[in-house]
Amino acid sequence: MSVRTYQASDLEACRALWAEMVQRHRDIYDDPSIGGDNPGLEFDAHLARVGPEKIWVATSGGGGEVVGLVSLIEEEQQAEVEPIVVSSRHRGRGLGRELLNHAIEQAKAAGVLCLSVKPVARNEEAISFFHEAGFKALGHIQLFMWLGESAPGQWKPGPTLHGKQFDY
């Protein structure tokens, strides 16, 4: 496996990885509407916003198949790793950690002082992954108030923070 800068020829593979990430969120939240009808196309908007020089892909084997991606959204001395995706059939082999390490090194080289990640609250696997990688300080917390009609079981009882119970 190797990590390299995104190339225009990676577009379809990255769209597929993006769609796979969205499907994971749909599964976690039991909501098929997340990401719209063609979620892979959202990668195009991300590419335009971040720029190809801040997106890296993981390739597998001699054929160079794109099996993961990571990007860095920089703003002065702060940056966010968003997203980090490894194809489900290639997980558990350290590819995510290698992609994350690459993004961390790129952030350091750019002079970033504060690096953040924002996994969705129900993605316990991602939260555990980032915690093990050293993301242990809480910065911002995003709270939601659902204004639509709630479906039974839409929200699950979640963690307690500062003595307050939250759903997620």
N, C-alpha and C. Protein backbone atom coordinates (compact mmCIF):
# COMPACT_ATOMS: atom_id res chain seq x y z
N MET A 1 0.84 -1.17 0.00
CA MET A 1 0.00 0.00 0.00
C MET A 1 0.88 1.23 0.00
N SER A 2 0.44 2.22 -0.76
CA SER A 2 1.16 3.50 -0.75
C SER A 2 0.15 4.63 -0.71
N VAL A 3 0.61 5.79 -0.26
CA VAL A 3 -0.22 6.99 -0.20
C VAL A 3 0.38 8.00 -1.15
N ARG A 4 -0.47 8.58 -1.98
CA ARG A 4 -0.01 9.60 -2.93
C ARG A 4 -1.07 10.68 -3.07
N THR A 5 -0.67 11.78 -3.68
CA THR A 5 -1.58 12.89 -3.91
C THR A 5 -2.65 12.48 -4.93
N TYR A 6 -3.86 12.97 -4.71
CA TYR A 6 -4.99 12.73 -5.61
C TYR A 6 -4.63 13.14 -7.03
N GLN A 7 -5.10 12.36 -8.00
CA GLN A 7 -4.96 12.67 -9.42
C GLN A 7 -6.35 12.66 -10.05
N ALA A 8 -6.50 13.37 -11.13
CA ALA A 8 -7.81 13.45 -11.81
C ALA A 8 -8.35 12.07 -12.16
N SER A 9 -7.47 11.12 -12.45
CA SER A 9 -7.91 9.76 -12.79
C SER A 9 -8.50 9.01 -11.60
N ASP A 10 -8.38 9.57 -10.40
CA ASP A 10 -8.92 8.94 -9.18
C ASP A 10 -10.38 9.31 -8.91
N LEU A 11 -10.95 10.17 -9.75
CA LEU A 11 -12.27 10.73 -9.47
C LEU A 11 -13.33 9.66 -9.21
N GLU A 12 -13.48 8.70 -10.09
CA GLU A 12 -14.54 7.69 -9.92
C GLU A 12 -14.32 6.84 -8.67
N ALA A 13 -13.07 6.48 -8.40
CA ALA A 13 -12.77 5.68 -7.21
C ALA A 13 -13.08 6.48 -5.95
N CYS A 14 -12.76 7.76 -5.95
CA CYS A 14 -13.03 8.60 -4.77
C CYS A 14 -14.53 8.85 -4.60
N ARG A 15 -15.25 8.98 -5.69
CA ARG A 15 -16.71 9.08 -5.60
C ARG A 15 -17.28 7.81 -4.96
N ALA A 16 -16.75 6.66 -5.36
CA ALA A 16 -17.24 5.39 -4.79
C ALA A 16 -16.91 5.30 -3.31
N LEU A 17 -15.73 5.74 -2.90
CA LEU A 17 -15.37 5.75 -1.49
C LEU A 17 -16.28 6.69 -0.71
N TRP A 18 -16.57 7.86 -1.28
CA TRP A 18 -17.46 8.82 -0.64
C TRP A 18 -18.85 8.20 -0.46
N ALA A 19 -19.34 7.55 -1.48
CA ALA A 19 -20.65 6.89 -1.40
C ALA A 19 -20.65 5.81 -0.32
N GLU A 20 -19.54 5.09 -0.20
CA GLU A 20 -19.43 4.06 0.83
C GLU A 20 -19.47 4.68 2.23
N MET A 21 -18.81 5.83 2.39
CA MET A 21 -18.85 6.55 3.66
C MET A 21 -20.28 6.98 3.99
N VAL A 22 -20.97 7.52 3.01
CA VAL A 22 -22.35 7.95 3.22
C VAL A 22 -23.23 6.76 3.59
N GLN A 23 -23.02 5.64 2.93
CA GLN A 23 -23.81 4.44 3.26
C GLN A 23 -23.57 4.03 4.71
N ARG A 24 -22.35 4.14 5.17
CA ARG A 24 -22.05 3.83 6.58
C ARG A 24 -22.86 4.74 7.50
N HIS A 25 -22.94 6.02 7.17
CA HIS A 25 -23.73 6.96 7.97
C HIS A 25 -25.22 6.62 7.89
N ARG A 26 -25.68 6.24 6.71
CA ARG A 26 -27.08 5.82 6.57
C ARG A 26 -27.37 4.63 7.48
N ASP A 27 -26.44 3.67 7.50
CA ASP A 27 -26.62 2.49 8.34
C ASP A 27 -26.58 2.84 9.82
N ILE A 28 -25.64 3.67 10.22
CA ILE A 28 -25.51 4.06 11.63
C ILE A 28 -26.78 4.74 12.13
N TYR A 29 -27.33 5.62 11.31
CA TYR A 29 -28.51 6.39 11.71
C TYR A 29 -29.83 5.81 11.20
N ASP A 30 -29.76 4.68 10.52
CA ASP A 30 -30.95 4.05 9.96
C ASP A 30 -31.79 5.07 9.19
N ASP A 31 -31.10 5.81 8.31
CA ASP A 31 -31.75 6.88 7.56
C ASP A 31 -31.24 6.85 6.12
N PRO A 32 -32.02 6.25 5.20
CA PRO A 32 -31.57 6.14 3.81
C PRO A 32 -31.54 7.47 3.05
N SER A 33 -32.05 8.53 3.65
CA SER A 33 -32.07 9.82 2.95
C SER A 33 -30.76 10.59 3.09
N ILE A 34 -29.89 10.18 4.01
CA ILE A 34 -28.62 10.89 4.20
C ILE A 34 -27.83 10.85 2.89
N GLY A 35 -27.35 12.00 2.47
CA GLY A 35 -26.50 12.07 1.29
C GLY A 35 -27.21 12.19 -0.04
N GLY A 36 -28.54 12.15 -0.03
CA GLY A 36 -29.28 12.32 -1.27
C GLY A 36 -29.25 11.11 -2.19
N ASP A 37 -29.69 11.33 -3.42
CA ASP A 37 -29.85 10.24 -4.39
C ASP A 37 -28.53 9.74 -4.97
N ASN A 38 -27.54 10.61 -5.07
CA ASN A 38 -26.25 10.20 -5.64
C ASN A 38 -25.13 10.76 -4.77
N PRO A 39 -24.91 10.14 -3.60
CA PRO A 39 -23.97 10.71 -2.64
C PRO A 39 -22.53 10.78 -3.12
N GLY A 40 -22.14 9.95 -4.05
CA GLY A 40 -20.78 9.99 -4.55
C GLY A 40 -20.42 11.31 -5.21
N LEU A 41 -21.42 11.98 -5.77
CA LEU A 41 -21.16 13.26 -6.43
C LEU A 41 -20.78 14.35 -5.43
N GLU A 42 -21.07 14.14 -4.15
CA GLU A 42 -20.68 15.12 -3.14
C GLU A 42 -19.16 15.21 -3.04
N PHE A 43 -18.47 14.17 -3.48
CA PHE A 43 -17.01 14.24 -3.49
C PHE A 43 -16.56 15.39 -4.39
N ASP A 44 -17.25 15.63 -5.49
CA ASP A 44 -16.87 16.69 -6.42
C ASP A 44 -16.87 18.06 -5.73
N ALA A 45 -17.90 18.31 -4.91
CA ALA A 45 -17.97 19.57 -4.18
C ALA A 45 -16.82 19.66 -3.18
N HIS A 46 -16.52 18.55 -2.52
CA HIS A 46 -15.41 18.51 -1.57
C HIS A 46 -14.09 18.79 -2.29
N LEU A 47 -13.88 18.17 -3.42
CA LEU A 47 -12.68 18.37 -4.22
C LEU A 47 -12.53 19.84 -4.60
N ALA A 48 -13.61 20.46 -5.03
CA ALA A 48 -13.57 21.87 -5.42
C ALA A 48 -13.24 22.77 -4.23
N ARG A 49 -13.76 22.42 -3.06
CA ARG A 49 -13.56 23.25 -1.87
C ARG A 49 -12.16 23.07 -1.30
N VAL A 50 -11.67 21.85 -1.23
CA VAL A 50 -10.39 21.55 -0.58
C VAL A 50 -9.22 21.70 -1.54
N GLY A 51 -9.43 21.26 -2.77
CA GLY A 51 -8.35 21.28 -3.75
C GLY A 51 -7.64 19.94 -3.81
N PRO A 52 -7.24 19.52 -5.00
CA PRO A 52 -6.62 18.20 -5.16
C PRO A 52 -5.30 18.04 -4.42
N GLU A 53 -4.63 19.14 -4.14
CA GLU A 53 -3.33 19.06 -3.46
C GLU A 53 -3.47 18.74 -1.97
N LYS A 54 -4.68 18.80 -1.44
CA LYS A 54 -4.94 18.49 -0.03
C LYS A 54 -5.73 17.20 0.14
N ILE A 55 -5.75 16.39 -0.91
CA ILE A 55 -6.40 15.08 -0.86
C ILE A 55 -5.36 14.04 -1.24
N TRP A 56 -5.31 12.97 -0.45
CA TRP A 56 -4.37 11.88 -0.71
C TRP A 56 -5.14 10.57 -0.77
N VAL A 57 -4.68 9.68 -1.60
CA VAL A 57 -5.33 8.38 -1.75
C VAL A 57 -4.37 7.27 -1.37
N ALA A 58 -4.94 6.19 -0.88
CA ALA A 58 -4.19 4.97 -0.60
C ALA A 58 -4.44 4.04 -1.76
N THR A 59 -3.36 3.48 -2.28
CA THR A 59 -3.49 2.51 -3.37
C THR A 59 -2.99 1.16 -2.89
N SER A 60 -3.55 0.13 -3.48
CA SER A 60 -3.26 -1.23 -3.05
C SER A 60 -2.64 -2.01 -4.20
N GLY A 61 -1.67 -2.82 -3.88
CA GLY A 61 -1.10 -3.74 -4.86
C GLY A 61 -0.43 -3.07 -6.03
N GLY A 62 0.03 -3.89 -6.96
CA GLY A 62 0.73 -3.40 -8.14
C GLY A 62 -0.16 -2.65 -9.11
N GLY A 63 -1.47 -2.94 -9.07
CA GLY A 63 -2.38 -2.29 -10.00
C GLY A 63 -2.74 -0.87 -9.63
N GLY A 64 -2.40 -0.46 -8.42
CA GLY A 64 -2.67 0.91 -8.00
C GLY A 64 -4.13 1.22 -7.73
N GLU A 65 -4.92 0.20 -7.38
CA GLU A 65 -6.34 0.43 -7.08
C GLU A 65 -6.47 1.37 -5.89
N VAL A 66 -7.30 2.41 -6.03
CA VAL A 66 -7.54 3.35 -4.94
C VAL A 66 -8.49 2.70 -3.94
N VAL A 67 -8.01 2.55 -2.70
CA VAL A 67 -8.79 1.86 -1.67
C VAL A 67 -9.07 2.74 -0.44
N GLY A 68 -8.58 3.97 -0.46
CA GLY A 68 -8.82 4.87 0.66
C GLY A 68 -8.49 6.30 0.27
N LEU A 69 -9.00 7.21 1.07
CA LEU A 69 -8.69 8.62 0.84
C LEU A 69 -8.73 9.37 2.16
N VAL A 70 -7.99 10.46 2.18
CA VAL A 70 -7.98 11.37 3.33
C VAL A 70 -7.76 12.76 2.78
N SER A 71 -8.31 13.76 3.45
CA SER A 71 -8.03 15.13 3.04
C SER A 71 -7.87 16.00 4.26
N LEU A 72 -7.27 17.14 4.03
CA LEU A 72 -6.96 18.08 5.08
C LEU A 72 -7.56 19.42 4.70
N ILE A 73 -8.42 19.93 5.57
CA ILE A 73 -9.03 21.24 5.36
C ILE A 73 -8.29 22.21 6.27
N GLU A 74 -7.47 23.05 5.68
CA GLU A 74 -6.63 23.96 6.45
C GLU A 74 -7.23 25.36 6.52
N GLU A 75 -7.03 25.97 7.68
CA GLU A 75 -7.41 27.36 7.87
C GLU A 75 -6.41 27.96 8.85
N GLU A 76 -5.45 28.67 8.31
CA GLU A 76 -4.35 29.26 9.08
C GLU A 76 -3.60 28.17 9.85
N GLN A 77 -3.57 28.25 11.17
CA GLN A 77 -2.81 27.27 11.95
C GLN A 77 -3.69 26.15 12.49
N GLN A 78 -4.88 26.02 11.93
CA GLN A 78 -5.78 24.93 12.31
C GLN A 78 -6.13 24.14 11.06
N ALA A 79 -6.43 22.86 11.28
CA ALA A 79 -6.83 22.02 10.15
C ALA A 79 -7.73 20.91 10.68
N GLU A 80 -8.53 20.39 9.76
CA GLU A 80 -9.42 19.27 10.07
C GLU A 80 -9.14 18.14 9.08
N VAL A 81 -9.05 16.94 9.60
CA VAL A 81 -8.96 15.75 8.76
C VAL A 81 -10.40 15.40 8.40
N GLU A 82 -10.74 15.52 7.11
CA GLU A 82 -12.13 15.28 6.68
C GLU A 82 -12.20 15.06 5.20
N PRO A 83 -12.62 13.92 4.77
CA PRO A 83 -12.90 12.71 5.53
C PRO A 83 -11.67 11.83 5.56
N ILE A 84 -11.81 10.71 6.20
CA ILE A 84 -10.86 9.61 6.07
C ILE A 84 -11.72 8.39 5.80
N VAL A 85 -11.48 7.74 4.68
CA VAL A 85 -12.31 6.62 4.25
C VAL A 85 -11.41 5.49 3.75
N VAL A 86 -11.70 4.29 4.19
CA VAL A 86 -11.05 3.10 3.66
C VAL A 86 -12.15 2.16 3.20
N SER A 87 -12.02 1.64 2.01
CA SER A 87 -13.01 0.71 1.47
C SER A 87 -13.22 -0.43 2.46
N SER A 88 -14.47 -0.83 2.65
CA SER A 88 -14.79 -1.85 3.66
C SER A 88 -14.02 -3.14 3.44
N ARG A 89 -13.73 -3.49 2.21
CA ARG A 89 -13.03 -4.75 1.96
C ARG A 89 -11.53 -4.65 2.25
N HIS A 90 -11.04 -3.46 2.58
CA HIS A 90 -9.62 -3.28 2.90
C HIS A 90 -9.40 -2.80 4.34
N ARG A 91 -10.47 -2.77 5.13
CA ARG A 91 -10.30 -2.32 6.53
C ARG A 91 -9.62 -3.38 7.36
N GLY A 92 -9.07 -2.93 8.48
CA GLY A 92 -8.43 -3.84 9.41
C GLY A 92 -6.99 -4.17 9.05
N ARG A 93 -6.43 -3.45 8.10
CA ARG A 93 -5.06 -3.72 7.65
C ARG A 93 -4.11 -2.55 7.94
N GLY A 94 -4.59 -1.56 8.68
CA GLY A 94 -3.75 -0.41 9.02
C GLY A 94 -3.75 0.70 7.99
N LEU A 95 -4.60 0.59 6.97
CA LEU A 95 -4.63 1.62 5.92
C LEU A 95 -5.14 2.96 6.45
N GLY A 96 -6.17 2.90 7.29
CA GLY A 96 -6.71 4.13 7.87
C GLY A 96 -5.67 4.84 8.71
N ARG A 97 -4.94 4.07 9.48
CA ARG A 97 -3.89 4.66 10.32
C ARG A 97 -2.79 5.27 9.45
N GLU A 98 -2.44 4.60 8.37
CA GLU A 98 -1.42 5.14 7.47
C GLU A 98 -1.90 6.43 6.81
N LEU A 99 -3.15 6.46 6.38
CA LEU A 99 -3.71 7.69 5.81
C LEU A 99 -3.73 8.82 6.84
N LEU A 100 -4.16 8.50 8.05
CA LEU A 100 -4.21 9.51 9.11
C LEU A 100 -2.81 10.03 9.40
N ASN A 101 -1.83 9.13 9.52
CA ASN A 101 -0.46 9.56 9.77
C ASN A 101 0.05 10.48 8.67
N HIS A 102 -0.33 10.17 7.44
CA HIS A 102 0.09 11.02 6.32
C HIS A 102 -0.51 12.42 6.47
N ALA A 103 -1.80 12.49 6.81
CA ALA A 103 -2.45 13.80 7.00
C ALA A 103 -1.81 14.56 8.16
N ILE A 104 -1.48 13.85 9.24
CA ILE A 104 -0.83 14.50 10.39
C ILE A 104 0.52 15.08 9.97
N GLU A 105 1.30 14.32 9.21
CA GLU A 105 2.60 14.81 8.76
C GLU A 105 2.45 16.02 7.83
N GLN A 106 1.44 15.98 6.96
CA GLN A 106 1.20 17.12 6.07
C GLN A 106 0.81 18.36 6.88
N ALA A 107 -0.01 18.15 7.92
CA ALA A 107 -0.42 19.27 8.77
C ALA A 107 0.78 19.86 9.50
N LYS A 108 1.63 19.00 10.03
CA LYS A 108 2.84 19.48 10.71
C LYS A 108 3.72 20.29 9.76
N ALA A 109 3.91 19.77 8.55
CA ALA A 109 4.74 20.45 7.56
C ALA A 109 4.17 21.81 7.18
N ALA A 110 2.84 21.95 7.25
CA ALA A 110 2.18 23.21 6.91
C ALA A 110 2.15 24.19 8.09
N GLY A 111 2.67 23.77 9.25
CA GLY A 111 2.68 24.65 10.41
C GLY A 111 1.39 24.67 11.20
N VAL A 112 0.56 23.67 11.00
CA VAL A 112 -0.70 23.58 11.73
C VAL A 112 -0.40 23.31 13.20
N LEU A 113 -1.09 24.02 14.08
CA LEU A 113 -0.91 23.84 15.52
C LEU A 113 -2.01 23.01 16.14
N CYS A 114 -3.21 23.07 15.57
CA CYS A 114 -4.36 22.35 16.13
C CYS A 114 -5.03 21.55 15.01
N LEU A 115 -5.03 20.23 15.16
CA LEU A 115 -5.62 19.33 14.17
C LEU A 115 -6.86 18.70 14.78
N SER A 116 -7.96 18.71 14.04
CA SER A 116 -9.22 18.17 14.57
C SER A 116 -9.83 17.14 13.64
N VAL A 117 -10.74 16.36 14.20
CA VAL A 117 -11.56 15.41 13.46
C VAL A 117 -12.98 15.55 14.00
N LYS A 118 -13.97 15.22 13.18
CA LYS A 118 -15.36 15.34 13.58
C LYS A 118 -16.15 14.09 13.18
N PRO A 119 -15.89 12.96 13.83
CA PRO A 119 -16.69 11.77 13.48
C PRO A 119 -18.12 11.96 13.96
N VAL A 120 -19.08 11.35 13.25
CA VAL A 120 -20.46 11.45 13.71
C VAL A 120 -20.59 10.75 15.06
N ALA A 121 -21.48 11.24 15.88
CA ALA A 121 -21.58 10.81 17.27
C ALA A 121 -21.83 9.31 17.43
N ARG A 122 -22.54 8.69 16.52
CA ARG A 122 -22.84 7.26 16.65
C ARG A 122 -21.75 6.36 16.09
N ASN A 123 -20.75 6.92 15.48
CA ASN A 123 -19.71 6.09 14.88
C ASN A 123 -18.66 5.75 15.94
N GLU A 124 -19.01 4.81 16.80
CA GLU A 124 -18.14 4.42 17.90
C GLU A 124 -16.80 3.89 17.40
N GLU A 125 -16.82 3.20 16.28
CA GLU A 125 -15.59 2.67 15.69
C GLU A 125 -14.63 3.80 15.33
N ALA A 126 -15.15 4.84 14.69
CA ALA A 126 -14.30 5.98 14.31
C ALA A 126 -13.81 6.74 15.54
N ILE A 127 -14.69 6.93 16.50
CA ILE A 127 -14.29 7.64 17.72
C ILE A 127 -13.17 6.89 18.42
N SER A 128 -13.29 5.58 18.51
CA SER A 128 -12.25 4.76 19.13
C SER A 128 -10.95 4.85 18.33
N PHE A 129 -11.05 4.79 17.01
CA PHE A 129 -9.88 4.89 16.13
C PHE A 129 -9.13 6.20 16.37
N PHE A 130 -9.87 7.31 16.38
CA PHE A 130 -9.22 8.61 16.55
C PHE A 130 -8.66 8.77 17.97
N HIS A 131 -9.37 8.26 18.95
CA HIS A 131 -8.88 8.34 20.33
C HIS A 131 -7.56 7.59 20.45
N GLU A 132 -7.50 6.39 19.90
CA GLU A 132 -6.27 5.59 19.95
C GLU A 132 -5.13 6.27 19.19
N ALA A 133 -5.48 7.09 18.19
CA ALA A 133 -4.46 7.79 17.40
C ALA A 133 -3.97 9.07 18.08
N GLY A 134 -4.58 9.41 19.24
CA GLY A 134 -4.11 10.57 19.98
C GLY A 134 -5.05 11.74 20.05
N PHE A 135 -6.22 11.64 19.42
CA PHE A 135 -7.20 12.73 19.49
C PHE A 135 -7.99 12.56 20.79
N LYS A 136 -7.50 13.20 21.87
CA LYS A 136 -8.08 12.99 23.19
C LYS A 136 -8.61 14.25 23.83
N ALA A 137 -8.43 15.38 23.18
CA ALA A 137 -8.92 16.65 23.73
C ALA A 137 -10.22 17.04 23.03
N LEU A 138 -11.24 17.37 23.82
CA LEU A 138 -12.50 17.86 23.25
C LEU A 138 -12.36 19.36 22.98
N GLY A 139 -12.70 19.77 21.79
CA GLY A 139 -12.65 21.19 21.43
C GLY A 139 -14.05 21.76 21.39
N HIS A 140 -14.73 21.54 20.30
CA HIS A 140 -16.10 22.04 20.12
C HIS A 140 -17.07 20.87 20.21
N ILE A 141 -18.24 21.15 20.69
CA ILE A 141 -19.30 20.16 20.72
C ILE A 141 -20.46 20.77 19.95
N GLN A 142 -21.00 20.02 19.02
CA GLN A 142 -22.10 20.50 18.22
C GLN A 142 -23.38 19.86 18.74
N LEU A 143 -24.31 20.68 19.19
CA LEU A 143 -25.58 20.19 19.72
C LEU A 143 -26.67 20.40 18.68
N PHE A 144 -27.62 19.47 18.64
CA PHE A 144 -28.73 19.53 17.70
C PHE A 144 -30.05 19.61 18.43
N MET A 145 -30.99 20.29 17.82
CA MET A 145 -32.39 20.26 18.25
C MET A 145 -33.18 19.83 17.02
N TRP A 146 -33.81 18.67 17.09
CA TRP A 146 -34.55 18.15 15.94
C TRP A 146 -35.91 18.84 15.90
N LEU A 147 -36.19 19.52 14.79
CA LEU A 147 -37.45 20.26 14.65
C LEU A 147 -38.49 19.50 13.84
N GLY A 148 -38.06 18.43 13.19
CA GLY A 148 -39.00 17.63 12.42
C GLY A 148 -39.70 16.63 13.32
N GLU A 149 -40.59 15.89 12.72
CA GLU A 149 -41.30 14.84 13.46
C GLU A 149 -40.34 13.69 13.71
N SER A 150 -40.20 13.30 14.95
CA SER A 150 -39.26 12.23 15.29
C SER A 150 -39.90 10.87 15.09
N ALA A 151 -39.12 9.98 14.54
CA ALA A 151 -39.55 8.60 14.40
C ALA A 151 -39.16 7.85 15.67
N PRO A 152 -39.93 6.84 16.05
CA PRO A 152 -39.55 6.06 17.24
C PRO A 152 -38.14 5.49 17.07
N GLY A 153 -37.32 5.68 18.07
CA GLY A 153 -35.96 5.16 18.05
C GLY A 153 -34.98 5.98 17.23
N GLN A 154 -35.43 7.14 16.73
CA GLN A 154 -34.55 7.97 15.91
C GLN A 154 -33.32 8.40 16.70
N TRP A 155 -33.52 8.73 17.94
CA TRP A 155 -32.41 9.14 18.80
C TRP A 155 -32.23 8.11 19.89
N LYS A 156 -30.97 7.82 20.20
CA LYS A 156 -30.64 6.86 21.24
C LYS A 156 -30.09 7.60 22.45
N PRO A 157 -30.32 7.06 23.65
CA PRO A 157 -29.68 7.69 24.81
C PRO A 157 -28.17 7.65 24.65
N GLY A 158 -27.55 8.78 24.90
CA GLY A 158 -26.12 8.87 24.67
C GLY A 158 -25.34 9.23 25.92
N PRO A 159 -24.20 9.86 25.72
CA PRO A 159 -23.29 10.13 26.83
C PRO A 159 -23.76 11.28 27.72
N THR A 160 -23.15 11.34 28.88
CA THR A 160 -23.37 12.44 29.82
C THR A 160 -22.13 13.32 29.78
N LEU A 161 -22.35 14.61 29.69
CA LEU A 161 -21.25 15.56 29.66
C LEU A 161 -21.59 16.70 30.59
N HIS A 162 -20.72 16.99 31.51
CA HIS A 162 -20.95 18.03 32.50
C HIS A 162 -22.26 17.82 33.24
N GLY A 163 -22.57 16.56 33.50
CA GLY A 163 -23.77 16.22 34.25
C GLY A 163 -25.06 16.28 33.44
N LYS A 164 -24.97 16.50 32.15
CA LYS A 164 -26.14 16.59 31.28
C LYS A 164 -26.20 15.38 30.37
N GLN A 165 -27.38 14.78 30.28
CA GLN A 165 -27.58 13.60 29.44
C GLN A 165 -27.91 14.05 28.01
N PHE A 166 -27.29 13.41 27.04
CA PHE A 166 -27.53 13.73 25.64
C PHE A 166 -27.96 12.49 24.88
N ASP A 167 -28.73 12.70 23.83
CA ASP A 167 -29.09 11.64 22.90
C ASP A 167 -28.19 11.80 21.68
N TYR A 168 -28.12 10.73 20.91
CA TYR A 168 -27.32 10.82 19.69
C TYR A 168 -27.91 9.94 18.62
